[in-house]
Amino acid sequence: MNREIHRITLLTNPAAGHGNARHAAERALAQFQRRGIDVAHLVGADPAHARRLLDDALADDTDAVVVAGGDGVISLALQALAGGDVPLGIIPAGTGNDHAREYGLPTGDPEAAADVVAQGWADTVDLGRVAHDDGSVTWFGTVMAAGFDSLVSDRVNRMRWPHGRMRYNLAMVAEISQLRLLPFRLTFDDDDPVDVALTLAAFGNTRSYGGGMLICPGADHADGLLDVTMVHSGSRTKLIRLFPTVFKGTHVDLDEVSTRRAASVRVECPGINAYADGDYVGPLPVTVSAEPAALAILRPAPNPAAQP
């Protein structure tokens, strides 16, 4: 459906994309001004500050919240927008950009991304919902993962050197050297719990994470279901061979990989954390589910006739 876009809130993570987000935001801001759109530009000093600024902006009248950055700042915005009517717009400027990839948004062209927002075509999509045992809730747009992936992320977060992608690569090598099967207990919808040894489990609202890895290649962001990908092998060699196939989504055809679909999954595994949209979510156990029609997102119109 079309939305009238006259006044927006633009939230920027200046650190995203190795600092490219600030430049992308400036270019998008200029394009919005050329199109006569009023912009309230927010730059948070840290995630908590950014969230306070965003909540204050939502208390006022805004036609859309637009984020300039990567999946991390999108995740922050989702916590405020989930279940509401204010749509999300994205100026992709991160390193992964999996949300942008899912919804066909232009990357590397902030002016074109700003034009998508200005056109006002909003699609209603599902979100992932993580319910913690303490009663709190975390929302995500792409994939929640637990197991090998989260162990690598844990190690990255403990490391202080080196910087950038090399830190992640070293953490992955270290975790592969200690690879082991983990004792998961998964409860799909109302079925009986299943005890299964896994290297990792991924729960996809959308298809990709990590900058284009199609971990859940059959996921549909509007079907009210999560696609669950499970890797059963503890073999280092098999995991290394599996890795490149994830970029094509063909790993799901391997014997050591299984998949399921469910509206909700209870996920238990002692000592393991969950990550979603690339960010820390919290320790297992959690209950992860697909929340139908939880977000309006501004994306390219499906055909020229739909554009204003």
Foldseek 3Di string as FASTA:
>chain_A
DFFQAAEEEEEEACPFLNRCLVVLVVVLVVLCVVVNHHYHYDYAPDLVRSLVVVVVVVVDDGQAYEYRHALVVVQSVCVVQFQHDHAYAYQYRHQARPVCVQQVADHPDSSSSSVLVNLGDKDFFKWKWKQDPVGDIGIFRWKKKKALVQQLVVQLVVDDDDDDPVSSVVSSVVCLVVFDWFFKWKDFDPHDIDTATFRMKMWTLHQDADRQQRQQVPHDRAPLKIKMKTFRDSDSVVVVVLVVCRNVPCSCVDPRMDIDMGQKMFIATPPMWMDHSNHTDGRDGIMMGMGHRGHMYRHHDPDPVPGD
